[in-house]
Amino acid sequence: MTSLGLSQRQYQKKTATNRLGLWLFFISDSFMFGGLIISRFYLLGDQKLDLNQFLGLMVTAILLTSSFFMNRAEVMVSQGNRKGFIRSLIITILLGITFLVGVIGVEWADAPFGPADGAQGAVFYMLTGMHAFHVLTGILFLLVTLRNGLKNKFSSEKHYMVEAAANYWHFVDVVWIIVYPVLYLMGTF
């Protein structure tokens, strides 16, 4: 039975349970990222990583812009604007892919150290790799959401999947807002 086939009461009960599960996931994932960030300071102290500052700023701007479009997609679906929802979701996906290309394809290739080059490499590649993995799973989540949107499976009253995808995407953005200064801005040479 699809979410549109559920009664409003059944849908609300299912949505409340799903929301709780999603927020528990966010809390547990926050501990994992917190541990990685603590390891950065434990292993590197106030040492600053020699990274491409412009690229770091650009991928951050791209990810924050994607968050704007994800919010817009969520608002559009809640207003019953299917066309605006689809358009905003596609833009979010494309910006997410651009972020991944910037971090994995460009920054990883340009970094002056490799993953096996001591604490710098371990910290940088683990933090950016775990975040990139979360962005990739977010993109997959958005692609499934897009597919369901194209199949007209959401209504203005029943669209929890879009809300969940948006919350996950915003969580990934908030994590990057913390990871970005920890890796790119903090420390001294």
C-alpha atoms as a PDB file:
ATOM      1  CA  MET A   1       0.000   0.000   0.000  1.00  0.00           C
ATOM      2  CA  THR A   2       1.443   3.382  -0.957  1.00  0.00           C
ATOM      3  CA  SER A   3       1.449   6.361   1.369  1.00  0.00           C
ATOM      4  CA  LEU A   4      -1.335   7.906  -0.714  1.00  0.00           C
ATOM      5  CA  GLY A   5      -3.460   4.789  -0.032  1.00  0.00           C
ATOM      6  CA  LEU A   6      -3.173   5.085   3.747  1.00  0.00           C
ATOM      7  CA  SER A   7      -5.830   6.856   5.759  1.00  0.00           C
ATOM      8  CA  GLN A   8      -4.757  10.213   7.171  1.00  0.00           C
ATOM      9  CA  ARG A   9      -4.598   8.727  10.684  1.00  0.00           C
ATOM     10  CA  GLN A  10      -2.460   5.747   9.555  1.00  0.00           C
ATOM     11  CA  TYR A  11      -0.192   8.082   7.613  1.00  0.00           C
ATOM     12  CA  GLN A  12       0.304  10.376  10.615  1.00  0.00           C
ATOM     13  CA  LYS A  13       1.148   7.434  12.904  1.00  0.00           C
ATOM     14  CA  LYS A  14       3.612   5.991  10.394  1.00  0.00           C
ATOM     15  CA  THR A  15       5.169   9.427   9.844  1.00  0.00           C
ATOM     16  CA  ALA A  16       5.624  10.038  13.585  1.00  0.00           C
ATOM     17  CA  THR A  17       7.445   6.711  13.971  1.00  0.00           C
ATOM     18  CA  ASN A  18       9.616   7.420  10.935  1.00  0.00           C
ATOM     19  CA  ARG A  19      10.501  10.897  12.217  1.00  0.00           C
ATOM     20  CA  LEU A  20      11.654   9.472  15.534  1.00  0.00           C
ATOM     21  CA  GLY A  21      13.837   6.904  13.761  1.00  0.00           C
ATOM     22  CA  LEU A  22      15.372   9.534  11.510  1.00  0.00           C
ATOM     23  CA  TRP A  23      16.235  11.836  14.411  1.00  0.00           C
ATOM     24  CA  LEU A  24      17.753   8.946  16.365  1.00  0.00           C
ATOM     25  CA  PHE A  25      19.899   8.228  13.306  1.00  0.00           C
ATOM     26  CA  PHE A  26      21.005  11.885  13.196  1.00  0.00           C
ATOM     27  CA  ILE A  27      21.997  11.755  16.859  1.00  0.00           C
ATOM     28  CA  SER A  28      24.027   8.560  16.427  1.00  0.00           C
ATOM     29  CA  ASP A  29      25.678   9.896  13.258  1.00  0.00           C
ATOM     30  CA  SER A  30      26.567  13.113  15.085  1.00  0.00           C
ATOM     31  CA  PHE A  31      28.555  11.068  17.597  1.00  0.00           C
ATOM     32  CA  MET A  32      30.506   9.452  14.766  1.00  0.00           C
ATOM     33  CA  PHE A  33      31.361  12.794  13.157  1.00  0.00           C
ATOM     34  CA  GLY A  34      32.099  14.253  16.599  1.00  0.00           C
ATOM     35  CA  GLY A  35      34.632  11.490  17.202  1.00  0.00           C
ATOM     36  CA  LEU A  36      36.285  12.164  13.843  1.00  0.00           C
ATOM     37  CA  ILE A  37      36.492  15.884  14.581  1.00  0.00           C
ATOM     38  CA  ILE A  38      37.965  15.223  18.024  1.00  0.00           C
ATOM     39  CA  SER A  39      40.545  12.948  16.402  1.00  0.00           C
ATOM     40  CA  ARG A  40      41.554  15.839  14.127  1.00  0.00           C
ATOM     41  CA  PHE A  41      42.447  17.984  17.129  1.00  0.00           C
ATOM     42  CA  TYR A  42      43.996  15.096  19.049  1.00  0.00           C
ATOM     43  CA  LEU A  43      46.233  14.015  16.164  1.00  0.00           C
ATOM     44  CA  LEU A  44      47.037  17.381  14.590  1.00  0.00           C
ATOM     45  CA  GLY A  45      46.624  19.865  17.436  1.00  0.00           C
ATOM     46  CA  ASP A  46      46.721  23.388  16.009  1.00  0.00           C
ATOM     47  CA  GLN A  47      48.459  22.287  12.802  1.00  0.00           C
ATOM     48  CA  LYS A  48      46.728  23.703   9.738  1.00  0.00           C
ATOM     49  CA  LEU A  49      46.311  21.475   6.701  1.00  0.00           C
ATOM     50  CA  ASP A  50      47.731  22.830   3.453  1.00  0.00           C
ATOM     51  CA  LEU A  51      44.523  22.671   1.405  1.00  0.00           C
ATOM     52  CA  ASN A  52      43.113  24.638  -1.505  1.00  0.00           C
ATOM     53  CA  GLN A  53      41.195  27.375   0.342  1.00  0.00           C
ATOM     54  CA  PHE A  54      39.357  28.596  -2.740  1.00  0.00           C
ATOM     55  CA  LEU A  55      38.159  25.102  -3.612  1.00  0.00           C
ATOM     56  CA  GLY A  56      37.038  24.531  -0.027  1.00  0.00           C
ATOM     57  CA  LEU A  57      35.022  27.740  -0.108  1.00  0.00           C
ATOM     58  CA  MET A  58      33.517  26.885  -3.507  1.00  0.00           C
ATOM     59  CA  VAL A  59      32.353  23.388  -2.536  1.00  0.00           C
ATOM     60  CA  THR A  60      30.906  24.854   0.671  1.00  0.00           C
ATOM     61  CA  ALA A  61      28.964  27.459  -1.325  1.00  0.00           C
ATOM     62  CA  ILE A  62      27.729  24.734  -3.688  1.00  0.00           C
ATOM     63  CA  LEU A  63      26.492  22.559  -0.824  1.00  0.00           C
ATOM     64  CA  LEU A  64      24.757  25.483   0.913  1.00  0.00           C
ATOM     65  CA  THR A  65      23.091  26.463  -2.358  1.00  0.00           C
ATOM     66  CA  SER A  66      21.875  22.881  -2.750  1.00  0.00           C
ATOM     67  CA  SER A  67      20.312  23.138   0.699  1.00  0.00           C
ATOM     68  CA  PHE A  68      18.367  26.207  -0.441  1.00  0.00           C
ATOM     69  CA  PHE A  69      16.973  24.283  -3.415  1.00  0.00           C
ATOM     70  CA  MET A  70      16.148  21.263  -1.239  1.00  0.00           C
ATOM     71  CA  ASN A  71      14.163  23.512   1.070  1.00  0.00           C
ATOM     72  CA  ARG A  72      12.464  24.986  -1.967  1.00  0.00           C
ATOM     73  CA  ALA A  73      11.560  21.492  -3.221  1.00  0.00           C
ATOM     74  CA  GLU A  74      10.005  20.641   0.133  1.00  0.00           C
ATOM     75  CA  VAL A  75       7.964  23.846   0.154  1.00  0.00           C
ATOM     76  CA  MET A  76       6.855  23.286  -3.447  1.00  0.00           C
ATOM     77  CA  VAL A  77       5.582  19.760  -2.764  1.00  0.00           C
ATOM     78  CA  SER A  78       3.704  20.955   0.339  1.00  0.00           C
ATOM     79  CA  GLN A  79       2.004  23.590  -1.837  1.00  0.00           C
ATOM     80  CA  GLY A  80       1.116  21.033  -4.504  1.00  0.00           C
ATOM     81  CA  ASN A  81       3.491  22.600  -7.055  1.00  0.00           C
ATOM     82  CA  ARG A  82       4.761  19.395  -8.678  1.00  0.00           C
ATOM     83  CA  LYS A  83       6.707  21.115 -11.451  1.00  0.00           C
ATOM     84  CA  GLY A  84       8.560  23.403  -9.021  1.00  0.00           C
ATOM     85  CA  PHE A  85       9.224  20.459  -6.720  1.00  0.00           C
ATOM     86  CA  ILE A  86      10.758  18.367  -9.516  1.00  0.00           C
ATOM     87  CA  ARG A  87      12.846  21.281 -10.816  1.00  0.00           C
ATOM     88  CA  SER A  88      14.211  22.178  -7.377  1.00  0.00           C
ATOM     89  CA  LEU A  89      14.968  18.541  -6.578  1.00  0.00           C
ATOM     90  CA  ILE A  90      16.900  18.085  -9.833  1.00  0.00           C
ATOM     91  CA  ILE A  91      18.944  21.230  -9.094  1.00  0.00           C
ATOM     92  CA  THR A  92      19.694  19.875  -5.590  1.00  0.00           C
ATOM     93  CA  ILE A  93      20.888  16.568  -7.050  1.00  0.00           C
ATOM     94  CA  LEU A  94      23.099  18.276  -9.637  1.00  0.00           C
ATOM     95  CA  LEU A  95      24.650  20.542  -6.988  1.00  0.00           C
ATOM     96  CA  GLY A  96      25.261  17.520  -4.750  1.00  0.00           C
ATOM     97  CA  ILE A  97      27.066  15.750  -7.585  1.00  0.00           C
ATOM     98  CA  THR A  98      29.102  18.907  -8.233  1.00  0.00           C
ATOM     99  CA  PHE A  99      30.090  18.974  -4.549  1.00  0.00           C
ATOM    100  CA  LEU A 100      31.262  15.353  -4.745  1.00  0.00           C
ATOM    101  CA  VAL A 101      33.287  16.037  -7.884  1.00  0.00           C
ATOM    102  CA  GLY A 102      34.879  19.041  -6.150  1.00  0.00           C
ATOM    103  CA  VAL A 103      35.871  17.129  -3.032  1.00  0.00           C
ATOM    104  CA  ILE A 104      36.604  13.645  -4.362  1.00  0.00           C
ATOM    105  CA  GLY A 105      37.653  14.456  -7.911  1.00  0.00           C
ATOM    106  CA  VAL A 106      39.574  17.697  -7.402  1.00  0.00           C
ATOM    107  CA  GLU A 107      40.520  18.178  -3.744  1.00  0.00           C
ATOM    108  CA  TRP A 108      41.602  14.597  -3.194  1.00  0.00           C
ATOM    109  CA  ALA A 109      43.761  14.739  -6.320  1.00  0.00           C
ATOM    110  CA  ASP A 110      45.270  18.143  -5.383  1.00  0.00           C
ATOM    111  CA  ALA A 111      45.938  17.467  -1.694  1.00  0.00           C
ATOM    112  CA  PRO A 112      49.694  17.624  -0.950  1.00  0.00           C
ATOM    113  CA  PHE A 113      49.442  14.354   1.013  1.00  0.00           C
ATOM    114  CA  GLY A 114      47.832  10.962   0.525  1.00  0.00           C
ATOM    115  CA  PRO A 115      45.632   8.862   2.780  1.00  0.00           C
ATOM    116  CA  ALA A 116      48.646   6.936   4.079  1.00  0.00           C
ATOM    117  CA  ASP A 117      50.776  10.023   4.779  1.00  0.00           C
ATOM    118  CA  GLY A 118      50.508  10.110   8.546  1.00  0.00           C
ATOM    119  CA  ALA A 119      47.954  11.901  10.665  1.00  0.00           C
ATOM    120  CA  GLN A 120      47.241  14.632   8.098  1.00  0.00           C
ATOM    121  CA  GLY A 121      46.201  12.156   5.444  1.00  0.00           C
ATOM    122  CA  ALA A 122      44.273   9.956   7.843  1.00  0.00           C
ATOM    123  CA  VAL A 123      42.281  12.841   9.292  1.00  0.00           C
ATOM    124  CA  PHE A 124      41.593  14.611   5.993  1.00  0.00           C
ATOM    125  CA  TYR A 125      40.592  11.564   3.960  1.00  0.00           C
ATOM    126  CA  MET A 126      38.536  10.009   6.754  1.00  0.00           C
ATOM    127  CA  LEU A 127      36.552  13.181   7.482  1.00  0.00           C
ATOM    128  CA  THR A 128      35.998  14.132   3.852  1.00  0.00           C
ATOM    129  CA  GLY A 129      35.447  10.503   2.855  1.00  0.00           C
ATOM    130  CA  MET A 130      32.775   9.898   5.493  1.00  0.00           C
ATOM    131  CA  HIS A 131      31.089  13.154   4.583  1.00  0.00           C
ATOM    132  CA  ALA A 132      31.270  12.331   0.863  1.00  0.00           C
ATOM    133  CA  PHE A 133      29.720   8.939   1.606  1.00  0.00           C
ATOM    134  CA  HIS A 134      26.836  10.714   3.343  1.00  0.00           C
ATOM    135  CA  VAL A 135      26.442  13.101   0.398  1.00  0.00           C
ATOM    136  CA  LEU A 136      26.404  10.123  -1.978  1.00  0.00           C
ATOM    137  CA  THR A 137      23.731   8.332   0.052  1.00  0.00           C
ATOM    138  CA  GLY A 138      21.809  11.624   0.166  1.00  0.00           C
ATOM    139  CA  ILE A 139      21.953  11.870  -3.617  1.00  0.00           C
ATOM    140  CA  LEU A 140      20.661   8.300  -3.903  1.00  0.00           C
ATOM    141  CA  PHE A 141      17.845   9.177  -1.469  1.00  0.00           C
ATOM    142  CA  LEU A 142      17.029  12.245  -3.581  1.00  0.00           C
ATOM    143  CA  LEU A 143      17.028  10.161  -6.778  1.00  0.00           C
ATOM    144  CA  VAL A 144      14.499   7.737  -5.269  1.00  0.00           C
ATOM    145  CA  THR A 145      12.452  10.724  -4.101  1.00  0.00           C
ATOM    146  CA  LEU A 146      12.637  12.191  -7.606  1.00  0.00           C
ATOM    147  CA  ARG A 147      11.507   8.895  -9.120  1.00  0.00           C
ATOM    148  CA  ASN A 148       8.526   8.787  -6.757  1.00  0.00           C
ATOM    149  CA  GLY A 149       7.752  12.432  -7.514  1.00  0.00           C
ATOM    150  CA  LEU A 150       7.788  11.730 -11.245  1.00  0.00           C
ATOM    151  CA  LYS A 151       5.379   8.838 -10.598  1.00  0.00           C
ATOM    152  CA  ASN A 152       3.107  11.310  -8.783  1.00  0.00           C
ATOM    153  CA  LYS A 153       3.330   9.485  -5.437  1.00  0.00           C
ATOM    154  CA  PHE A 154       3.253  12.662  -3.302  1.00  0.00           C
ATOM    155  CA  SER A 155       0.459  15.035  -2.444  1.00  0.00           C
ATOM    156  CA  SER A 156       0.470  18.295  -0.524  1.00  0.00           C
ATOM    157  CA  GLU A 157      -0.816  16.364   2.523  1.00  0.00           C
ATOM    158  CA  LYS A 158       1.253  13.183   2.189  1.00  0.00           C
ATOM    159  CA  HIS A 159       4.908  13.743   1.332  1.00  0.00           C
ATOM    160  CA  TYR A 160       6.941  12.543   4.314  1.00  0.00           C
ATOM    161  CA  MET A 161       9.592  11.037   2.052  1.00  0.00           C
ATOM    162  CA  VAL A 162      10.364  14.519   0.754  1.00  0.00           C
ATOM    163  CA  GLU A 163      10.529  15.859   4.316  1.00  0.00           C
ATOM    164  CA  ALA A 164      12.870  13.025   5.342  1.00  0.00           C
ATOM    165  CA  ALA A 165      15.100  13.562   2.302  1.00  0.00           C
ATOM    166  CA  ALA A 166      15.226  17.288   3.046  1.00  0.00           C
ATOM    167  CA  ASN A 167      16.091  16.701   6.706  1.00  0.00           C
ATOM    168  CA  TYR A 168      18.843  14.271   5.741  1.00  0.00           C
ATOM    169  CA  TRP A 169      20.222  16.723   3.173  1.00  0.00           C
ATOM    170  CA  HIS A 170      20.203  19.569   5.691  1.00  0.00           C
ATOM    171  CA  PHE A 171      21.927  17.323   8.246  1.00  0.00           C
ATOM    172  CA  VAL A 172      24.697  16.627   5.728  1.00  0.00           C
ATOM    173  CA  ASP A 173      25.005  20.386   5.144  1.00  0.00           C
ATOM    174  CA  VAL A 174      25.249  21.144   8.868  1.00  0.00           C
ATOM    175  CA  VAL A 175      27.958  18.507   9.252  1.00  0.00           C
ATOM    176  CA  TRP A 176      29.941  20.145   6.422  1.00  0.00           C
ATOM    177  CA  ILE A 177      29.528  23.579   8.016  1.00  0.00           C
ATOM    178  CA  ILE A 178      31.413  22.118  10.998  1.00  0.00           C
ATOM    179  CA  VAL A 179      33.898  20.005   8.995  1.00  0.00           C
ATOM    180  CA  TYR A 180      34.852  22.852   6.631  1.00  0.00           C
ATOM    181  CA  PRO A 181      36.386  25.192   9.246  1.00  0.00           C
ATOM    182  CA  VAL A 182      37.893  22.265  11.165  1.00  0.00           C
ATOM    183  CA  LEU A 183      39.810  21.134   8.070  1.00  0.00           C
ATOM    184  CA  TYR A 184      40.294  24.295   6.020  1.00  0.00           C
ATOM    185  CA  LEU A 185      40.386  27.247   8.394  1.00  0.00           C
ATOM    186  CA  MET A 186      41.608  26.218  11.852  1.00  0.00           C
ATOM    187  CA  GLY A 187      45.238  25.976  12.887  1.00  0.00           C
ATOM    188  CA  THR A 188      48.557  27.541  12.053  1.00  0.00           C
ATOM    189  CA  PHE A 189      51.225  26.453   9.586  1.00  0.00           C
END
